[in-house]
Amino acid sequence: MRFETERLILRKPYLEDAEDLFSTYTQDPEVCRYMVWTPHKSIEKTREWLRFCVENWDEKRYLEFIIQDRESSRAIGMTGVRINDFKATLGYVLAKPFWNRGIVTEACAPLLSELIGREEIYRIEAFHDTENPASGRVMEKLGMKKEGVLKCYARLPNIPGPPRDYAVYALTK
């Protein structure tokens, strides 16, 4: 599975993407702030992640895509879904130089369209820390509706303290 948009190519990840991902965002504390993983201290950690993505690629349950910039041909982020029965959970990350340009929305739109078009998928959901409203705006631009806030829902390794509140958005049939 592969998607192409005006500015982007979404494609299966390869181990060769490690250099781009490490140099553009996996080591960046600001990009990683609201992620469930800590910044990568070495390119080997990025390779481990990519190895996992490649080995677990499965169009029926687990899909991770490289977001590749058409102009530079560089990997600038990732988006992916985990499919469980009738629903899919969406996630995404993007290198900071590409923030606030509509890239995540452009990258995720064809993926969501493909998924919601599948007979077996009835719900696509996504979550964000309530202190990261930019992620919520992406979800809204993708046509997802905010369903509420889950109090004390998750701990984030890059933000010490008690569990954090998360907003939940969904696109349903």
C-alpha atoms as a PDB file:
ATOM      1  CA  MET A   1       0.000   0.000   0.000  1.00  0.00           C
ATOM      2  CA  ARG A   2       1.318   3.431  -0.977  1.00  0.00           C
ATOM      3  CA  PHE A   3      -0.238   6.876  -1.250  1.00  0.00           C
ATOM      4  CA  GLU A   4       0.884   9.956  -3.171  1.00  0.00           C
ATOM      5  CA  THR A   5      -0.284  13.523  -2.662  1.00  0.00           C
ATOM      6  CA  GLU A   6       0.802  16.819  -4.154  1.00  0.00           C
ATOM      7  CA  ARG A   7       3.729  17.229  -1.736  1.00  0.00           C
ATOM      8  CA  LEU A   8       4.171  13.795  -0.199  1.00  0.00           C
ATOM      9  CA  ILE A   9       4.667  10.086  -0.681  1.00  0.00           C
ATOM     10  CA  LEU A  10       3.432   7.711   2.014  1.00  0.00           C
ATOM     11  CA  ARG A  11       5.149   4.381   1.777  1.00  0.00           C
ATOM     12  CA  LYS A  12       6.297   1.354   3.698  1.00  0.00           C
ATOM     13  CA  PRO A  13       9.345   2.095   5.873  1.00  0.00           C
ATOM     14  CA  TYR A  14      12.803   0.692   5.140  1.00  0.00           C
ATOM     15  CA  LEU A  15      15.884   0.425   7.332  1.00  0.00           C
ATOM     16  CA  GLU A  16      17.583   2.918   4.998  1.00  0.00           C
ATOM     17  CA  ASP A  17      15.190   5.608   6.336  1.00  0.00           C
ATOM     18  CA  ALA A  18      16.991   5.622   9.700  1.00  0.00           C
ATOM     19  CA  GLU A  19      19.427   8.403   8.768  1.00  0.00           C
ATOM     20  CA  ASP A  20      16.666  10.767   7.643  1.00  0.00           C
ATOM     21  CA  LEU A  21      14.456  10.035  10.648  1.00  0.00           C
ATOM     22  CA  PHE A  22      17.274  10.398  13.154  1.00  0.00           C
ATOM     23  CA  SER A  23      18.522  13.647  11.643  1.00  0.00           C
ATOM     24  CA  THR A  24      15.046  15.181  11.284  1.00  0.00           C
ATOM     25  CA  TYR A  25      13.138  14.200  14.414  1.00  0.00           C
ATOM     26  CA  THR A  26      13.717  10.981  16.413  1.00  0.00           C
ATOM     27  CA  GLN A  27      16.410  12.666  18.541  1.00  0.00           C
ATOM     28  CA  ASP A  28      14.544  16.001  18.882  1.00  0.00           C
ATOM     29  CA  PRO A  29      13.190  16.524  22.447  1.00  0.00           C
ATOM     30  CA  GLU A  30      10.606  19.057  21.279  1.00  0.00           C
ATOM     31  CA  VAL A  31       9.151  16.683  18.673  1.00  0.00           C
ATOM     32  CA  CYS A  32       9.175  13.823  21.203  1.00  0.00           C
ATOM     33  CA  ARG A  33       7.634  15.805  24.081  1.00  0.00           C
ATOM     34  CA  TYR A  34       4.107  14.348  23.713  1.00  0.00           C
ATOM     35  CA  MET A  35       5.180  10.990  22.334  1.00  0.00           C
ATOM     36  CA  VAL A  36       5.086   7.698  24.234  1.00  0.00           C
ATOM     37  CA  TRP A  37       8.821   7.226  23.524  1.00  0.00           C
ATOM     38  CA  THR A  38      11.916   9.160  24.520  1.00  0.00           C
ATOM     39  CA  PRO A  39      14.242  10.899  22.066  1.00  0.00           C
ATOM     40  CA  HIS A  40      16.618   8.448  20.425  1.00  0.00           C
ATOM     41  CA  LYS A  41      20.170   8.798  21.721  1.00  0.00           C
ATOM     42  CA  SER A  42      21.625   6.979  18.714  1.00  0.00           C
ATOM     43  CA  ILE A  43      20.731   6.075  15.167  1.00  0.00           C
ATOM     44  CA  GLU A  44      20.687   2.416  16.253  1.00  0.00           C
ATOM     45  CA  LYS A  45      17.546   3.101  18.312  1.00  0.00           C
ATOM     46  CA  THR A  46      15.891   4.523  15.184  1.00  0.00           C
ATOM     47  CA  ARG A  47      16.999   1.430  13.245  1.00  0.00           C
ATOM     48  CA  GLU A  48      15.427  -0.800  15.942  1.00  0.00           C
ATOM     49  CA  TRP A  49      12.123   1.030  15.523  1.00  0.00           C
ATOM     50  CA  LEU A  50      12.256   0.717  11.745  1.00  0.00           C
ATOM     51  CA  ARG A  51      13.133  -2.979  12.031  1.00  0.00           C
ATOM     52  CA  PHE A  52      10.017  -3.457  14.157  1.00  0.00           C
ATOM     53  CA  CYS A  53       7.880  -1.542  11.621  1.00  0.00           C
ATOM     54  CA  VAL A  54       9.193  -3.562   8.670  1.00  0.00           C
ATOM     55  CA  GLU A  55       8.834  -6.912  10.425  1.00  0.00           C
ATOM     56  CA  ASN A  56       5.290  -6.172  11.609  1.00  0.00           C
ATOM     57  CA  TRP A  57       3.894  -4.565   8.454  1.00  0.00           C
ATOM     58  CA  ASP A  58       0.468  -6.113   7.992  1.00  0.00           C
ATOM     59  CA  GLU A  59      -2.361  -4.442   6.071  1.00  0.00           C
ATOM     60  CA  LYS A  60      -4.913  -6.180   8.280  1.00  0.00           C
ATOM     61  CA  ARG A  61      -3.578  -5.094  11.680  1.00  0.00           C
ATOM     62  CA  TYR A  62      -0.508  -2.854  11.733  1.00  0.00           C
ATOM     63  CA  LEU A  63       0.608  -0.219   9.241  1.00  0.00           C
ATOM     64  CA  GLU A  64       3.352   2.362   9.648  1.00  0.00           C
ATOM     65  CA  PHE A  65       4.119   4.727   6.785  1.00  0.00           C
ATOM     66  CA  ILE A  66       7.068   6.964   6.093  1.00  0.00           C
ATOM     67  CA  ILE A  67       6.026  10.501   5.200  1.00  0.00           C
ATOM     68  CA  GLN A  68       8.436  11.383   2.416  1.00  0.00           C
ATOM     69  CA  ASP A  69       8.789  14.919   1.100  1.00  0.00           C
ATOM     70  CA  ARG A  70       8.530  14.827  -2.706  1.00  0.00           C
ATOM     71  CA  GLU A  71      10.773  17.846  -3.217  1.00  0.00           C
ATOM     72  CA  SER A  72      13.749  16.590  -1.198  1.00  0.00           C
ATOM     73  CA  SER A  73      12.941  12.832  -1.223  1.00  0.00           C
ATOM     74  CA  ARG A  74      13.692  12.822   2.521  1.00  0.00           C
ATOM     75  CA  ALA A  75      11.712  10.978   5.172  1.00  0.00           C
ATOM     76  CA  ILE A  76      10.269  13.761   7.367  1.00  0.00           C
ATOM     77  CA  GLY A  77       7.847  11.878   9.591  1.00  0.00           C
ATOM     78  CA  MET A  78       5.641   8.858  10.024  1.00  0.00           C
ATOM     79  CA  THR A  79       1.972   8.033  10.322  1.00  0.00           C
ATOM     80  CA  GLY A  80       0.387   4.742  11.092  1.00  0.00           C
ATOM     81  CA  VAL A  81      -2.557   2.757  12.345  1.00  0.00           C
ATOM     82  CA  ARG A  82      -3.127  -0.248  14.516  1.00  0.00           C
ATOM     83  CA  ILE A  83      -6.200  -2.174  13.436  1.00  0.00           C
ATOM     84  CA  ASN A  84      -8.112  -4.130  16.037  1.00  0.00           C
ATOM     85  CA  ASP A  85     -11.263  -5.864  14.862  1.00  0.00           C
ATOM     86  CA  PHE A  86     -13.616  -3.108  13.627  1.00  0.00           C
ATOM     87  CA  LYS A  87     -11.518  -0.076  14.596  1.00  0.00           C
ATOM     88  CA  ALA A  88      -8.189   1.549  13.822  1.00  0.00           C
ATOM     89  CA  THR A  89      -6.090   3.824  16.010  1.00  0.00           C
ATOM     90  CA  LEU A  90      -4.186   6.582  14.206  1.00  0.00           C
ATOM     91  CA  GLY A  91      -0.863   8.121  15.194  1.00  0.00           C
ATOM     92  CA  TYR A  92       1.613  10.494  13.574  1.00  0.00           C
ATOM     93  CA  VAL A  93       4.837  12.406  14.086  1.00  0.00           C
ATOM     94  CA  LEU A  94       6.526  15.068  11.961  1.00  0.00           C
ATOM     95  CA  ALA A  95       9.909  16.816  11.955  1.00  0.00           C
ATOM     96  CA  LYS A  96       9.689  20.318  13.434  1.00  0.00           C
ATOM     97  CA  PRO A  97      10.760  22.234  10.280  1.00  0.00           C
ATOM     98  CA  PHE A  98       7.588  20.908   8.631  1.00  0.00           C
ATOM     99  CA  TRP A  99       5.103  21.843  11.382  1.00  0.00           C
ATOM    100  CA  ASN A 100       2.195  24.206  10.651  1.00  0.00           C
ATOM    101  CA  ARG A 101       2.154  23.530   6.909  1.00  0.00           C
ATOM    102  CA  GLY A 102      -0.759  21.068   6.700  1.00  0.00           C
ATOM    103  CA  ILE A 103       1.569  18.151   6.030  1.00  0.00           C
ATOM    104  CA  VAL A 104       0.183  15.720   8.617  1.00  0.00           C
ATOM    105  CA  THR A 105      -3.359  16.411   7.430  1.00  0.00           C
ATOM    106  CA  GLU A 106      -2.289  15.855   3.821  1.00  0.00           C
ATOM    107  CA  ALA A 107      -0.451  12.668   4.772  1.00  0.00           C
ATOM    108  CA  CYS A 108      -3.236  11.132   6.869  1.00  0.00           C
ATOM    109  CA  ALA A 109      -6.238  11.990   4.658  1.00  0.00           C
ATOM    110  CA  PRO A 110      -5.714   9.263   2.023  1.00  0.00           C
ATOM    111  CA  LEU A 111      -4.946   6.684   4.707  1.00  0.00           C
ATOM    112  CA  LEU A 112      -8.153   7.490   6.602  1.00  0.00           C
ATOM    113  CA  SER A 113     -10.133   7.419   3.366  1.00  0.00           C
ATOM    114  CA  GLU A 114      -8.742   3.964   2.556  1.00  0.00           C
ATOM    115  CA  LEU A 115      -9.488   2.641   6.024  1.00  0.00           C
ATOM    116  CA  ILE A 116     -13.016   4.000   6.420  1.00  0.00           C
ATOM    117  CA  GLY A 117     -13.755   2.556   2.968  1.00  0.00           C
ATOM    118  CA  ARG A 118     -12.973  -0.934   4.206  1.00  0.00           C
ATOM    119  CA  GLU A 119     -16.089  -2.924   4.930  1.00  0.00           C
ATOM    120  CA  GLU A 120     -14.768  -4.185   8.263  1.00  0.00           C
ATOM    121  CA  ILE A 121     -13.656  -0.804   9.693  1.00  0.00           C
ATOM    122  CA  TYR A 122     -16.330   1.220  11.499  1.00  0.00           C
ATOM    123  CA  ARG A 123     -14.221   3.521  13.647  1.00  0.00           C
ATOM    124  CA  ILE A 124     -10.912   5.363  13.362  1.00  0.00           C
ATOM    125  CA  GLU A 125      -9.779   6.965  16.593  1.00  0.00           C
ATOM    126  CA  ALA A 126      -6.900   9.164  17.679  1.00  0.00           C
ATOM    127  CA  PHE A 127      -5.769  10.631  20.983  1.00  0.00           C
ATOM    128  CA  HIS A 128      -3.715  13.645  22.040  1.00  0.00           C
ATOM    129  CA  ASP A 129      -2.469  15.154  25.264  1.00  0.00           C
ATOM    130  CA  THR A 130      -4.768  18.050  26.131  1.00  0.00           C
ATOM    131  CA  GLU A 131      -1.742  20.369  26.331  1.00  0.00           C
ATOM    132  CA  ASN A 132      -0.981  19.646  22.655  1.00  0.00           C
ATOM    133  CA  PRO A 133      -3.974  21.283  20.913  1.00  0.00           C
ATOM    134  CA  ALA A 134      -2.190  21.422  17.530  1.00  0.00           C
ATOM    135  CA  SER A 135      -2.649  17.672  17.286  1.00  0.00           C
ATOM    136  CA  GLY A 136      -6.377  18.093  17.931  1.00  0.00           C
ATOM    137  CA  ARG A 137      -6.597  20.615  15.098  1.00  0.00           C
ATOM    138  CA  VAL A 138      -5.069  18.028  12.748  1.00  0.00           C
ATOM    139  CA  MET A 139      -7.711  15.514  13.815  1.00  0.00           C
ATOM    140  CA  GLU A 140     -10.490  18.041  13.226  1.00  0.00           C
ATOM    141  CA  LYS A 141      -9.135  18.886   9.762  1.00  0.00           C
ATOM    142  CA  LEU A 142      -9.258  15.146   8.995  1.00  0.00           C
ATOM    143  CA  GLY A 143     -12.991  15.164   9.771  1.00  0.00           C
ATOM    144  CA  MET A 144     -12.660  13.510  13.162  1.00  0.00           C
ATOM    145  CA  LYS A 145     -15.019  14.600  15.945  1.00  0.00           C
ATOM    146  CA  LYS A 146     -13.952  15.178  19.517  1.00  0.00           C
ATOM    147  CA  GLU A 147     -15.708  12.691  21.776  1.00  0.00           C
ATOM    148  CA  GLY A 148     -14.355  13.868  25.110  1.00  0.00           C
ATOM    149  CA  VAL A 149     -11.443  13.952  27.499  1.00  0.00           C
ATOM    150  CA  LEU A 150     -10.056  10.919  29.277  1.00  0.00           C
ATOM    151  CA  LYS A 151      -8.826  12.071  32.690  1.00  0.00           C
ATOM    152  CA  CYS A 152      -5.464  10.753  33.944  1.00  0.00           C
ATOM    153  CA  TYR A 153      -5.263   8.555  30.837  1.00  0.00           C
ATOM    154  CA  ALA A 154      -1.546   8.131  30.131  1.00  0.00           C
ATOM    155  CA  ARG A 155       1.922   8.772  31.453  1.00  0.00           C
ATOM    156  CA  LEU A 156       4.390  10.306  29.048  1.00  0.00           C
ATOM    157  CA  PRO A 157       8.087   9.514  29.512  1.00  0.00           C
ATOM    158  CA  ASN A 158       9.148  13.032  28.515  1.00  0.00           C
ATOM    159  CA  ILE A 159       6.825  14.828  30.965  1.00  0.00           C
ATOM    160  CA  PRO A 160       7.286  13.790  34.592  1.00  0.00           C
ATOM    161  CA  GLY A 161       4.428  13.743  37.045  1.00  0.00           C
ATOM    162  CA  PRO A 162       0.977  12.246  37.301  1.00  0.00           C
ATOM    163  CA  PRO A 163      -0.905  10.637  34.397  1.00  0.00           C
ATOM    164  CA  ARG A 164      -2.031  13.124  31.773  1.00  0.00           C
ATOM    165  CA  ASP A 165      -5.445  13.980  30.363  1.00  0.00           C
ATOM    166  CA  TYR A 166      -6.048  12.953  26.766  1.00  0.00           C
ATOM    167  CA  ALA A 167      -8.656  14.090  24.260  1.00  0.00           C
ATOM    168  CA  VAL A 168     -10.182  11.389  22.068  1.00  0.00           C
ATOM    169  CA  TYR A 169     -11.365  11.986  18.499  1.00  0.00           C
ATOM    170  CA  ALA A 170     -13.057   9.590  16.116  1.00  0.00           C
ATOM    171  CA  LEU A 171     -14.285   9.170  12.569  1.00  0.00           C
ATOM    172  CA  THR A 172     -17.103   6.640  12.293  1.00  0.00           C
ATOM    173  CA  LYS A 173     -19.372   5.208   9.631  1.00  0.00           C
END
